[in-house]
Amino acid sequence: GPLPPQWRRDASAALDQYRHAWLRGESRIAEQAFERARSELASTGSA
């Protein structure tokens, strides 16, 4: 379909980075990526 909205694309990329970094033991990178993903998702107002 149409190109996904920017928040959806950014959240997707950040969650992927979070998962990879967390499992690799890269804590700082993981935390930063998670906060970016959470912020994008929170922008929708969807709990």
ModelCIF file with pLDDT and N, C-alpha, C, O atoms, coordinates in Angstrom:
data_MODEL
#
_entry.id   MODEL 
#
_entity.id                         1 
_entity.type                       polymer 
_entity.pdbx_number_of_molecules   1 
#
_entity_poly.entity_id                      1 
_entity_poly.type                           'polypeptide(L)' 
_entity_poly.nstd_linkage                   no 
_entity_poly.nstd_monomer                   no 
_entity_poly.pdbx_seq_one_letter_code       GPLPPQWRRDASAALDQYRHAWLRGESRIAEQAFERARSELASTGSA 
_entity_poly.pdbx_seq_one_letter_code_can   GPLPPQWRRDASAALDQYRHAWLRGESRIAEQAFERARSELASTGSA 
_entity_poly.pdbx_strand_id                 A 
#
loop_
_entity_poly_seq.entity_id 
_entity_poly_seq.num 
_entity_poly_seq.mon_id 
_entity_poly_seq.hetero 
1 1  GLY n 
1 2  PRO n 
1 3  LEU n 
1 4  PRO n 
1 5  PRO n 
1 6  GLN n 
1 7  TRP n 
1 8  ARG n 
1 9  ARG n 
1 10 ASP n 
1 11 ALA n 
1 12 SER n 
1 13 ALA n 
1 14 ALA n 
1 15 LEU n 
1 16 ASP n 
1 17 GLN n 
1 18 TYR n 
1 19 ARG n 
1 20 HIS n 
1 21 ALA n 
1 22 TRP n 
1 23 LEU n 
1 24 ARG n 
1 25 GLY n 
1 26 GLU n 
1 27 SER n 
1 28 ARG n 
1 29 ILE n 
1 30 ALA n 
1 31 GLU n 
1 32 GLN n 
1 33 ALA n 
1 34 PHE n 
1 35 GLU n 
1 36 ARG n 
1 37 ALA n 
1 38 ARG n 
1 39 SER n 
1 40 GLU n 
1 41 LEU n 
1 42 ALA n 
1 43 SER n 
1 44 THR n 
1 45 GLY n 
1 46 SER n 
1 47 ALA n 
#
_struct_asym.id          A 
_struct_asym.entity_id   1 
#
loop_
_ma_qa_metric.id 
_ma_qa_metric.mode 
_ma_qa_metric.name 
_ma_qa_metric.software_group_id 
_ma_qa_metric.type 
1 global pLDDT . pLDDT 
2 local  pLDDT . pLDDT 
#
_ma_qa_metric_global.metric_id      1 
_ma_qa_metric_global.metric_value   91.74 
_ma_qa_metric_global.model_id       1 
_ma_qa_metric_global.ordinal_id     1 
#
loop_
_ma_qa_metric_local.label_asym_id 
_ma_qa_metric_local.label_comp_id 
_ma_qa_metric_local.label_seq_id 
_ma_qa_metric_local.metric_id 
_ma_qa_metric_local.metric_value 
_ma_qa_metric_local.model_id 
_ma_qa_metric_local.ordinal_id 
A GLY 1  2 57.00 1 1  
A PRO 2  2 68.00 1 2  
A LEU 3  2 69.00 1 3  
A PRO 4  2 77.00 1 4  
A PRO 5  2 88.00 1 5  
A GLN 6  2 90.00 1 6  
A TRP 7  2 90.00 1 7  
A ARG 8  2 89.00 1 8  
A ARG 9  2 89.00 1 9  
A ASP 10 2 92.00 1 10 
A ALA 11 2 92.00 1 11 
A SER 12 2 89.00 1 12 
A ALA 13 2 91.00 1 13 
A ALA 14 2 93.00 1 14 
A LEU 15 2 92.00 1 15 
A ASP 16 2 91.00 1 16 
A GLN 17 2 94.00 1 17 
A TYR 18 2 95.00 1 18 
A ARG 19 2 94.00 1 19 
A HIS 20 2 95.00 1 20 
A ALA 21 2 96.00 1 21 
A TRP 22 2 96.00 1 22 
A LEU 23 2 96.00 1 23 
A ARG 24 2 96.00 1 24 
A GLY 25 2 95.00 1 25 
A GLU 26 2 96.00 1 26 
A SER 27 2 95.00 1 27 
A ARG 28 2 96.00 1 28 
A ILE 29 2 97.00 1 29 
A ALA 30 2 97.00 1 30 
A GLU 31 2 96.00 1 31 
A GLN 32 2 97.00 1 32 
A ALA 33 2 97.00 1 33 
A PHE 34 2 96.00 1 34 
A GLU 35 2 96.00 1 35 
A ARG 36 2 96.00 1 36 
A ALA 37 2 95.00 1 37 
A ARG 38 2 95.00 1 38 
A SER 39 2 96.00 1 39 
A GLU 40 2 95.00 1 40 
A LEU 41 2 94.00 1 41 
A ALA 42 2 95.00 1 42 
A SER 43 2 95.00 1 43 
A THR 44 2 94.00 1 44 
A GLY 45 2 95.00 1 45 
A SER 46 2 92.00 1 46 
A ALA 47 2 93.00 1 47 
#
loop_
_atom_site.group_PDB 
_atom_site.id 
_atom_site.type_symbol 
_atom_site.label_atom_id 
_atom_site.label_alt_id 
_atom_site.label_comp_id 
_atom_site.label_asym_id 
_atom_site.label_entity_id 
_atom_site.label_seq_id 
_atom_site.pdbx_PDB_ins_code 
_atom_site.Cartn_x 
_atom_site.Cartn_y 
_atom_site.Cartn_z 
_atom_site.occupancy 
_atom_site.B_iso_or_equiv 
_atom_site.pdbx_formal_charge 
_atom_site.auth_seq_id 
_atom_site.auth_comp_id 
_atom_site.auth_asym_id 
_atom_site.auth_atom_id 
_atom_site.pdbx_PDB_model_num 
ATOM 1   N N  . GLY A 1 1  ? 0.821  -1.194  0.000  1.00 57.00 ? 1  GLY A N  1 
ATOM 2   C CA . GLY A 1 1  ? 0.000  0.000   0.000  1.00 57.00 ? 1  GLY A CA 1 
ATOM 3   C C  . GLY A 1 1  ? 0.853  1.240   0.000  1.00 57.00 ? 1  GLY A C  1 
ATOM 4   O O  . GLY A 1 1  ? 2.018  1.200   -0.396 1.00 57.00 ? 1  GLY A O  1 
ATOM 5   N N  . PRO A 1 2  ? 0.279  2.350   0.445  1.00 68.00 ? 2  PRO A N  1 
ATOM 6   C CA . PRO A 1 2  ? 1.035  3.600   0.502  1.00 68.00 ? 2  PRO A CA 1 
ATOM 7   C C  . PRO A 1 2  ? 2.227  3.475   1.451  1.00 68.00 ? 2  PRO A C  1 
ATOM 8   O O  . PRO A 1 2  ? 2.274  2.582   2.297  1.00 68.00 ? 2  PRO A O  1 
ATOM 9   N N  . LEU A 1 3  ? 3.173  4.374   1.296  1.00 69.00 ? 3  LEU A N  1 
ATOM 10  C CA . LEU A 1 3  ? 4.337  4.386   2.175  1.00 69.00 ? 3  LEU A CA 1 
ATOM 11  C C  . LEU A 1 3  ? 3.879  4.559   3.620  1.00 69.00 ? 3  LEU A C  1 
ATOM 12  O O  . LEU A 1 3  ? 3.078  5.450   3.905  1.00 69.00 ? 3  LEU A O  1 
ATOM 13  N N  . PRO A 1 4  ? 4.376  3.717   4.545  1.00 77.00 ? 4  PRO A N  1 
ATOM 14  C CA . PRO A 1 4  ? 3.961  3.852   5.944  1.00 77.00 ? 4  PRO A CA 1 
ATOM 15  C C  . PRO A 1 4  ? 4.307  5.232   6.482  1.00 77.00 ? 4  PRO A C  1 
ATOM 16  O O  . PRO A 1 4  ? 5.263  5.851   6.015  1.00 77.00 ? 4  PRO A O  1 
ATOM 17  N N  . PRO A 1 5  ? 3.549  5.724   7.456  1.00 88.00 ? 5  PRO A N  1 
ATOM 18  C CA . PRO A 1 5  ? 3.874  7.021   8.047  1.00 88.00 ? 5  PRO A CA 1 
ATOM 19  C C  . PRO A 1 5  ? 5.257  7.001   8.686  1.00 88.00 ? 5  PRO A C  1 
ATOM 20  O O  . PRO A 1 5  ? 5.765  5.944   9.059  1.00 88.00 ? 5  PRO A O  1 
ATOM 21  N N  . GLN A 1 6  ? 5.848  8.157   8.805  1.00 90.00 ? 6  GLN A N  1 
ATOM 22  C CA . GLN A 1 6  ? 7.226  8.245   9.285  1.00 90.00 ? 6  GLN A CA 1 
ATOM 23  C C  . GLN A 1 6  ? 7.378  7.655   10.674 1.00 90.00 ? 6  GLN A C  1 
ATOM 24  O O  . GLN A 1 6  ? 8.375  6.985   10.945 1.00 90.00 ? 6  GLN A O  1 
ATOM 25  N N  . TRP A 1 7  ? 6.421  7.885   11.561 1.00 90.00 ? 7  TRP A N  1 
ATOM 26  C CA . TRP A 1 7  ? 6.555  7.359   12.923 1.00 90.00 ? 7  TRP A CA 1 
ATOM 27  C C  . TRP A 1 7  ? 6.635  5.842   12.917 1.00 90.00 ? 7  TRP A C  1 
ATOM 28  O O  . TRP A 1 7  ? 7.360  5.245   13.713 1.00 90.00 ? 7  TRP A O  1 
ATOM 29  N N  . ARG A 1 8  ? 5.889  5.229   12.020 1.00 89.00 ? 8  ARG A N  1 
ATOM 30  C CA . ARG A 1 8  ? 5.875  3.771   11.966 1.00 89.00 ? 8  ARG A CA 1 
ATOM 31  C C  . ARG A 1 8  ? 7.220  3.238   11.476 1.00 89.00 ? 8  ARG A C  1 
ATOM 32  O O  . ARG A 1 8  ? 7.750  2.266   12.015 1.00 89.00 ? 8  ARG A O  1 
ATOM 33  N N  . ARG A 1 9  ? 7.758  3.884   10.455 1.00 89.00 ? 9  ARG A N  1 
ATOM 34  C CA . ARG A 1 9  ? 9.061  3.458   9.931  1.00 89.00 ? 9  ARG A CA 1 
ATOM 35  C C  . ARG A 1 9  ? 10.176 3.682   10.951 1.00 89.00 ? 9  ARG A C  1 
ATOM 36  O O  . ARG A 1 9  ? 11.053 2.835   11.118 1.00 89.00 ? 9  ARG A O  1 
ATOM 37  N N  . ASP A 1 10 ? 10.135 4.831   11.632 1.00 92.00 ? 10 ASP A N  1 
ATOM 38  C CA . ASP A 1 10 ? 11.179 5.127   12.610 1.00 92.00 ? 10 ASP A CA 1 
ATOM 39  C C  . ASP A 1 10 ? 11.097 4.188   13.813 1.00 92.00 ? 10 ASP A C  1 
ATOM 40  O O  . ASP A 1 10 ? 12.122 3.725   14.313 1.00 92.00 ? 10 ASP A O  1 
ATOM 41  N N  . ALA A 1 11 ? 9.878  3.910   14.274 1.00 92.00 ? 11 ALA A N  1 
ATOM 42  C CA . ALA A 1 11 ? 9.716  2.994   15.403 1.00 92.00 ? 11 ALA A CA 1 
ATOM 43  C C  . ALA A 1 11 ? 10.183 1.596   15.039 1.00 92.00 ? 11 ALA A C  1 
ATOM 44  O O  . ALA A 1 11 ? 10.826 0.920   15.842 1.00 92.00 ? 11 ALA A O  1 
ATOM 45  N N  . SER A 1 12 ? 9.860  1.163   13.826 1.00 89.00 ? 12 SER A N  1 
ATOM 46  C CA . SER A 1 12 ? 10.273 -0.158  13.369 1.00 89.00 ? 12 SER A CA 1 
ATOM 47  C C  . SER A 1 12 ? 11.789 -0.279  13.358 1.00 89.00 ? 12 SER A C  1 
ATOM 48  O O  . SER A 1 12 ? 12.344 -1.254  13.865 1.00 89.00 ? 12 SER A O  1 
ATOM 49  N N  . ALA A 1 13 ? 12.458 0.712   12.782 1.00 91.00 ? 13 ALA A N  1 
ATOM 50  C CA . ALA A 1 13 ? 13.919 0.668   12.703 1.00 91.00 ? 13 ALA A CA 1 
ATOM 51  C C  . ALA A 1 13 ? 14.544 0.704   14.096 1.00 91.00 ? 13 ALA A C  1 
ATOM 52  O O  . ALA A 1 13 ? 15.517 -0.002  14.363 1.00 91.00 ? 13 ALA A O  1 
ATOM 53  N N  . ALA A 1 14 ? 13.988 1.524   14.976 1.00 93.00 ? 14 ALA A N  1 
ATOM 54  C CA . ALA A 1 14 ? 14.551 1.644   16.318 1.00 93.00 ? 14 ALA A CA 1 
ATOM 55  C C  . ALA A 1 14 ? 14.362 0.358   17.121 1.00 93.00 ? 14 ALA A C  1 
ATOM 56  O O  . ALA A 1 14 ? 15.257 -0.039  17.867 1.00 93.00 ? 14 ALA A O  1 
ATOM 57  N N  . LEU A 1 15 ? 13.210 -0.294  16.976 1.00 92.00 ? 15 LEU A N  1 
ATOM 58  C CA . LEU A 1 15 ? 12.980 -1.546  17.693 1.00 92.00 ? 15 LEU A CA 1 
ATOM 59  C C  . LEU A 1 15 ? 13.905 -2.651  17.198 1.00 92.00 ? 15 LEU A C  1 
ATOM 60  O O  . LEU A 1 15 ? 14.387 -3.468  17.982 1.00 92.00 ? 15 LEU A O  1 
ATOM 61  N N  . ASP A 1 16 ? 14.146 -2.669  15.899 1.00 91.00 ? 16 ASP A N  1 
ATOM 62  C CA . ASP A 1 16 ? 15.094 -3.649  15.367 1.00 91.00 ? 16 ASP A CA 1 
ATOM 63  C C  . ASP A 1 16 ? 16.490 -3.415  15.942 1.00 91.00 ? 16 ASP A C  1 
ATOM 64  O O  . ASP A 1 16 ? 17.183 -4.358  16.324 1.00 91.00 ? 16 ASP A O  1 
ATOM 65  N N  . GLN A 1 17 ? 16.891 -2.145  15.997 1.00 94.00 ? 17 GLN A N  1 
ATOM 66  C CA . GLN A 1 17 ? 18.205 -1.832  16.547 1.00 94.00 ? 17 GLN A CA 1 
ATOM 67  C C  . GLN A 1 17 ? 18.267 -2.185  18.030 1.00 94.00 ? 17 GLN A C  1 
ATOM 68  O O  . GLN A 1 17 ? 19.273 -2.700  18.518 1.00 94.00 ? 17 GLN A O  1 
ATOM 69  N N  . TYR A 1 18 ? 17.176 -1.898  18.738 1.00 95.00 ? 18 TYR A N  1 
ATOM 70  C CA . TYR A 1 18 ? 17.131 -2.236  20.162 1.00 95.00 ? 18 TYR A CA 1 
ATOM 71  C C  . TYR A 1 18 ? 17.314 -3.736  20.375 1.00 95.00 ? 18 TYR A C  1 
ATOM 72  O O  . TYR A 1 18 ? 18.132 -4.150  21.197 1.00 95.00 ? 18 TYR A O  1 
ATOM 73  N N  . ARG A 1 19 ? 16.568 -4.540  19.650 1.00 94.00 ? 19 ARG A N  1 
ATOM 74  C CA . ARG A 1 19 ? 16.639 -5.991  19.834 1.00 94.00 ? 19 ARG A CA 1 
ATOM 75  C C  . ARG A 1 19 ? 18.055 -6.508  19.569 1.00 94.00 ? 19 ARG A C  1 
ATOM 76  O O  . ARG A 1 19 ? 18.603 -7.289  20.347 1.00 94.00 ? 19 ARG A O  1 
ATOM 77  N N  . HIS A 1 20 ? 18.624 -6.059  18.468 1.00 95.00 ? 20 HIS A N  1 
ATOM 78  C CA . HIS A 1 20 ? 19.967 -6.511  18.109 1.00 95.00 ? 20 HIS A CA 1 
ATOM 79  C C  . HIS A 1 20 ? 20.978 -6.107  19.182 1.00 95.00 ? 20 HIS A C  1 
ATOM 80  O O  . HIS A 1 20 ? 21.782 -6.927  19.625 1.00 95.00 ? 20 HIS A O  1 
ATOM 81  N N  . ALA A 1 21 ? 20.933 -4.842  19.597 1.00 96.00 ? 21 ALA A N  1 
ATOM 82  C CA . ALA A 1 21 ? 21.917 -4.357  20.566 1.00 96.00 ? 21 ALA A CA 1 
ATOM 83  C C  . ALA A 1 21 ? 21.734 -5.022  21.925 1.00 96.00 ? 21 ALA A C  1 
ATOM 84  O O  . ALA A 1 21 ? 22.721 -5.359  22.580 1.00 96.00 ? 21 ALA A O  1 
ATOM 85  N N  . TRP A 1 22 ? 20.505 -5.214  22.357 1.00 96.00 ? 22 TRP A N  1 
ATOM 86  C CA . TRP A 1 22 ? 20.273 -5.846  23.649 1.00 96.00 ? 22 TRP A CA 1 
ATOM 87  C C  . TRP A 1 22 ? 20.835 -7.262  23.679 1.00 96.00 ? 22 TRP A C  1 
ATOM 88  O O  . TRP A 1 22 ? 21.550 -7.626  24.612 1.00 96.00 ? 22 TRP A O  1 
ATOM 89  N N  . LEU A 1 23 ? 20.521 -8.047  22.682 1.00 96.00 ? 23 LEU A N  1 
ATOM 90  C CA . LEU A 1 23 ? 20.984 -9.422  22.664 1.00 96.00 ? 23 LEU A CA 1 
ATOM 91  C C  . LEU A 1 23 ? 22.499 -9.505  22.553 1.00 96.00 ? 23 LEU A C  1 
ATOM 92  O O  . LEU A 1 23 ? 23.111 -10.446 23.060 1.00 96.00 ? 23 LEU A O  1 
ATOM 93  N N  . ARG A 1 24 ? 23.096 -8.536  21.902 1.00 96.00 ? 24 ARG A N  1 
ATOM 94  C CA . ARG A 1 24 ? 24.550 -8.496  21.776 1.00 96.00 ? 24 ARG A CA 1 
ATOM 95  C C  . ARG A 1 24 ? 25.229 -7.987  23.042 1.00 96.00 ? 24 ARG A C  1 
ATOM 96  O O  . ARG A 1 24 ? 26.454 -8.054  23.148 1.00 96.00 ? 24 ARG A O  1 
ATOM 97  N N  . GLY A 1 25 ? 24.474 -7.489  23.987 1.00 95.00 ? 25 GLY A N  1 
ATOM 98  C CA . GLY A 1 25 ? 25.055 -6.972  25.217 1.00 95.00 ? 25 GLY A CA 1 
ATOM 99  C C  . GLY A 1 25 ? 25.523 -5.540  25.109 1.00 95.00 ? 25 GLY A C  1 
ATOM 100 O O  . GLY A 1 25 ? 26.337 -5.095  25.919 1.00 95.00 ? 25 GLY A O  1 
ATOM 101 N N  . GLU A 1 26 ? 25.025 -4.801  24.119 1.00 96.00 ? 26 GLU A N  1 
ATOM 102 C CA . GLU A 1 26 ? 25.421 -3.412  23.914 1.00 96.00 ? 26 GLU A CA 1 
ATOM 103 C C  . GLU A 1 26 ? 24.368 -2.515  24.575 1.00 96.00 ? 26 GLU A C  1 
ATOM 104 O O  . GLU A 1 26 ? 23.464 -1.999  23.918 1.00 96.00 ? 26 GLU A O  1 
ATOM 105 N N  . SER A 1 27 ? 24.511 -2.349  25.877 1.00 95.00 ? 27 SER A N  1 
ATOM 106 C CA . SER A 1 27 ? 23.450 -1.767  26.696 1.00 95.00 ? 27 SER A CA 1 
ATOM 107 C C  . SER A 1 27 ? 23.137 -0.320  26.329 1.00 95.00 ? 27 SER A C  1 
ATOM 108 O O  . SER A 1 27 ? 21.966 0.041   26.213 1.00 95.00 ? 27 SER A O  1 
ATOM 109 N N  . ARG A 1 28 ? 24.147 0.505   26.147 1.00 96.00 ? 28 ARG A N  1 
ATOM 110 C CA . ARG A 1 28 ? 23.905 1.921   25.881 1.00 96.00 ? 28 ARG A CA 1 
ATOM 111 C C  . ARG A 1 28 ? 23.162 2.103   24.557 1.00 96.00 ? 28 ARG A C  1 
ATOM 112 O O  . ARG A 1 28 ? 22.196 2.862   24.481 1.00 96.00 ? 28 ARG A O  1 
ATOM 113 N N  . ILE A 1 29 ? 23.614 1.409   23.524 1.00 97.00 ? 29 ILE A N  1 
ATOM 114 C CA . ILE A 1 29 ? 22.957 1.495   22.225 1.00 97.00 ? 29 ILE A CA 1 
ATOM 115 C C  . ILE A 1 29 ? 21.517 1.000   22.325 1.00 97.00 ? 29 ILE A C  1 
ATOM 116 O O  . ILE A 1 29 ? 20.605 1.601   21.756 1.00 97.00 ? 29 ILE A O  1 
ATOM 117 N N  . ALA A 1 30 ? 21.321 -0.094  23.050 1.00 97.00 ? 30 ALA A N  1 
ATOM 118 C CA . ALA A 1 30 ? 19.984 -0.663  23.195 1.00 97.00 ? 30 ALA A CA 1 
ATOM 119 C C  . ALA A 1 30 ? 19.037 0.322   23.871 1.00 97.00 ? 30 ALA A C  1 
ATOM 120 O O  . ALA A 1 30 ? 17.910 0.512   23.412 1.00 97.00 ? 30 ALA A O  1 
ATOM 121 N N  . GLU A 1 31 ? 19.478 0.939   24.942 1.00 96.00 ? 31 GLU A N  1 
ATOM 122 C CA . GLU A 1 31 ? 18.615 1.865   25.676 1.00 96.00 ? 31 GLU A CA 1 
ATOM 123 C C  . GLU A 1 31 ? 18.247 3.067   24.821 1.00 96.00 ? 31 GLU A C  1 
ATOM 124 O O  . GLU A 1 31 ? 17.093 3.498   24.820 1.00 96.00 ? 31 GLU A O  1 
ATOM 125 N N  . GLN A 1 32 ? 19.204 3.607   24.102 1.00 97.00 ? 32 GLN A N  1 
ATOM 126 C CA . GLN A 1 32 ? 18.928 4.755   23.241 1.00 97.00 ? 32 GLN A CA 1 
ATOM 127 C C  . GLN A 1 32 ? 17.933 4.384   22.146 1.00 97.00 ? 32 GLN A C  1 
ATOM 128 O O  . GLN A 1 32 ? 17.021 5.154   21.844 1.00 97.00 ? 32 GLN A O  1 
ATOM 129 N N  . ALA A 1 33 ? 18.108 3.212   21.557 1.00 97.00 ? 33 ALA A N  1 
ATOM 130 C CA . ALA A 1 33 ? 17.196 2.776   20.494 1.00 97.00 ? 33 ALA A CA 1 
ATOM 131 C C  . ALA A 1 33 ? 15.790 2.554   21.034 1.00 97.00 ? 33 ALA A C  1 
ATOM 132 O O  . ALA A 1 33 ? 14.806 2.907   20.384 1.00 97.00 ? 33 ALA A O  1 
ATOM 133 N N  . PHE A 1 34 ? 15.699 1.970   22.220 1.00 96.00 ? 34 PHE A N  1 
ATOM 134 C CA . PHE A 1 34 ? 14.372 1.731   22.783 1.00 96.00 ? 34 PHE A CA 1 
ATOM 135 C C  . PHE A 1 34 ? 13.654 3.045   23.061 1.00 96.00 ? 34 PHE A C  1 
ATOM 136 O O  . PHE A 1 34 ? 12.464 3.171   22.772 1.00 96.00 ? 34 PHE A O  1 
ATOM 137 N N  . GLU A 1 35 ? 14.350 4.012   23.610 1.00 96.00 ? 35 GLU A N  1 
ATOM 138 C CA . GLU A 1 35 ? 13.711 5.288   23.906 1.00 96.00 ? 35 GLU A CA 1 
ATOM 139 C C  . GLU A 1 35 ? 13.223 5.972   22.635 1.00 96.00 ? 35 GLU A C  1 
ATOM 140 O O  . GLU A 1 35 ? 12.169 6.607   22.642 1.00 96.00 ? 35 GLU A O  1 
ATOM 141 N N  . ARG A 1 36 ? 13.979 5.848   21.539 1.00 96.00 ? 36 ARG A N  1 
ATOM 142 C CA . ARG A 1 36 ? 13.517 6.411   20.272 1.00 96.00 ? 36 ARG A CA 1 
ATOM 143 C C  . ARG A 1 36 ? 12.242 5.718   19.802 1.00 96.00 ? 36 ARG A C  1 
ATOM 144 O O  . ARG A 1 36 ? 11.290 6.368   19.370 1.00 96.00 ? 36 ARG A O  1 
ATOM 145 N N  . ALA A 1 37 ? 12.239 4.391   19.894 1.00 95.00 ? 37 ALA A N  1 
ATOM 146 C CA . ALA A 1 37 ? 11.054 3.639   19.469 1.00 95.00 ? 37 ALA A CA 1 
ATOM 147 C C  . ALA A 1 37 ? 9.847  3.996   20.321 1.00 95.00 ? 37 ALA A C  1 
ATOM 148 O O  . ALA A 1 37 ? 8.756  4.221   19.797 1.00 95.00 ? 37 ALA A O  1 
ATOM 149 N N  . ARG A 1 38 ? 10.037 4.048   21.611 1.00 95.00 ? 38 ARG A N  1 
ATOM 150 C CA . ARG A 1 38 ? 8.924  4.352   22.507 1.00 95.00 ? 38 ARG A CA 1 
ATOM 151 C C  . ARG A 1 38 ? 8.375  5.751   22.249 1.00 95.00 ? 38 ARG A C  1 
ATOM 152 O O  . ARG A 1 38 ? 7.163  5.964   22.274 1.00 95.00 ? 38 ARG A O  1 
ATOM 153 N N  . SER A 1 39 ? 9.260  6.688   22.005 1.00 96.00 ? 39 SER A N  1 
ATOM 154 C CA . SER A 1 39 ? 8.828  8.054   21.729 1.00 96.00 ? 39 SER A CA 1 
ATOM 155 C C  . SER A 1 39 ? 7.989  8.122   20.460 1.00 96.00 ? 39 SER A C  1 
ATOM 156 O O  . SER A 1 39 ? 6.968  8.808   20.425 1.00 96.00 ? 39 SER A O  1 
ATOM 157 N N  . GLU A 1 40 ? 8.414  7.415   19.422 1.00 95.00 ? 40 GLU A N  1 
ATOM 158 C CA . GLU A 1 40 ? 7.650  7.413   18.173 1.00 95.00 ? 40 GLU A CA 1 
ATOM 159 C C  . GLU A 1 40 ? 6.271  6.792   18.380 1.00 95.00 ? 40 GLU A C  1 
ATOM 160 O O  . GLU A 1 40 ? 5.272  7.304   17.874 1.00 95.00 ? 40 GLU A O  1 
ATOM 161 N N  . LEU A 1 41 ? 6.219  5.695   19.121 1.00 94.00 ? 41 LEU A N  1 
ATOM 162 C CA . LEU A 1 41 ? 4.931  5.041   19.366 1.00 94.00 ? 41 LEU A CA 1 
ATOM 163 C C  . LEU A 1 41 ? 4.035  5.889   20.255 1.00 94.00 ? 41 LEU A C  1 
ATOM 164 O O  . LEU A 1 41 ? 2.823  5.946   20.045 1.00 94.00 ? 41 LEU A O  1 
ATOM 165 N N  . ALA A 1 42 ? 4.622  6.547   21.245 1.00 95.00 ? 42 ALA A N  1 
ATOM 166 C CA . ALA A 1 42 ? 3.837  7.405   22.134 1.00 95.00 ? 42 ALA A CA 1 
ATOM 167 C C  . ALA A 1 42 ? 3.242  8.593   21.385 1.00 95.00 ? 42 ALA A C  1 
ATOM 168 O O  . ALA A 1 42 ? 2.222  9.141   21.803 1.00 95.00 ? 42 ALA A O  1 
ATOM 169 N N  . SER A 1 43 ? 3.869  8.993   20.286 1.00 95.00 ? 43 SER A N  1 
ATOM 170 C CA . SER A 1 43 ? 3.358  10.135  19.517 1.00 95.00 ? 43 SER A CA 1 
ATOM 171 C C  . SER A 1 43 ? 1.978  9.866   18.936 1.00 95.00 ? 43 SER A C  1 
ATOM 172 O O  . SER A 1 43 ? 1.271  10.795  18.547 1.00 95.00 ? 43 SER A O  1 
ATOM 173 N N  . THR A 1 44 ? 1.592  8.579   18.879 1.00 94.00 ? 44 THR A N  1 
ATOM 174 C CA . THR A 1 44 ? 0.270  8.224   18.359 1.00 94.00 ? 44 THR A CA 1 
ATOM 175 C C  . THR A 1 44 ? -0.815 8.321   19.433 1.00 94.00 ? 44 THR A C  1 
ATOM 176 O O  . THR A 1 44 ? -2.005 8.324   19.118 1.00 94.00 ? 44 THR A O  1 
ATOM 177 N N  . GLY A 1 45 ? -0.404 8.399   20.691 1.00 95.00 ? 45 GLY A N  1 
ATOM 178 C CA . GLY A 1 45 ? -1.380 8.395   21.772 1.00 95.00 ? 45 GLY A CA 1 
ATOM 179 C C  . GLY A 1 45 ? -1.995 7.037   22.023 1.00 95.00 ? 45 GLY A C  1 
ATOM 180 O O  . GLY A 1 45 ? -3.002 6.938   22.724 1.00 95.00 ? 45 GLY A O  1 
ATOM 181 N N  . SER A 1 46 ? -1.412 5.988   21.468 1.00 92.00 ? 46 SER A N  1 
ATOM 182 C CA . SER A 1 46 ? -1.954 4.636   21.614 1.00 92.00 ? 46 SER A CA 1 
ATOM 183 C C  . SER A 1 46 ? -1.240 3.895   22.738 1.00 92.00 ? 46 SER A C  1 
ATOM 184 O O  . SER A 1 46 ? -0.066 3.545   22.615 1.00 92.00 ? 46 SER A O  1 
ATOM 185 N N  . ALA A 1 47 ? -1.955 3.660   23.828 1.00 93.00 ? 47 ALA A N  1 
ATOM 186 C CA . ALA A 1 47 ? -1.374 2.901   24.930 1.00 93.00 ? 47 ALA A CA 1 
ATOM 187 C C  . ALA A 1 47 ? -1.032 1.481   24.502 1.00 93.00 ? 47 ALA A C  1 
ATOM 188 O O  . ALA A 1 47 ? -0.531 0.697   25.308 1.00 93.00 ? 47 ALA A O  1 
#
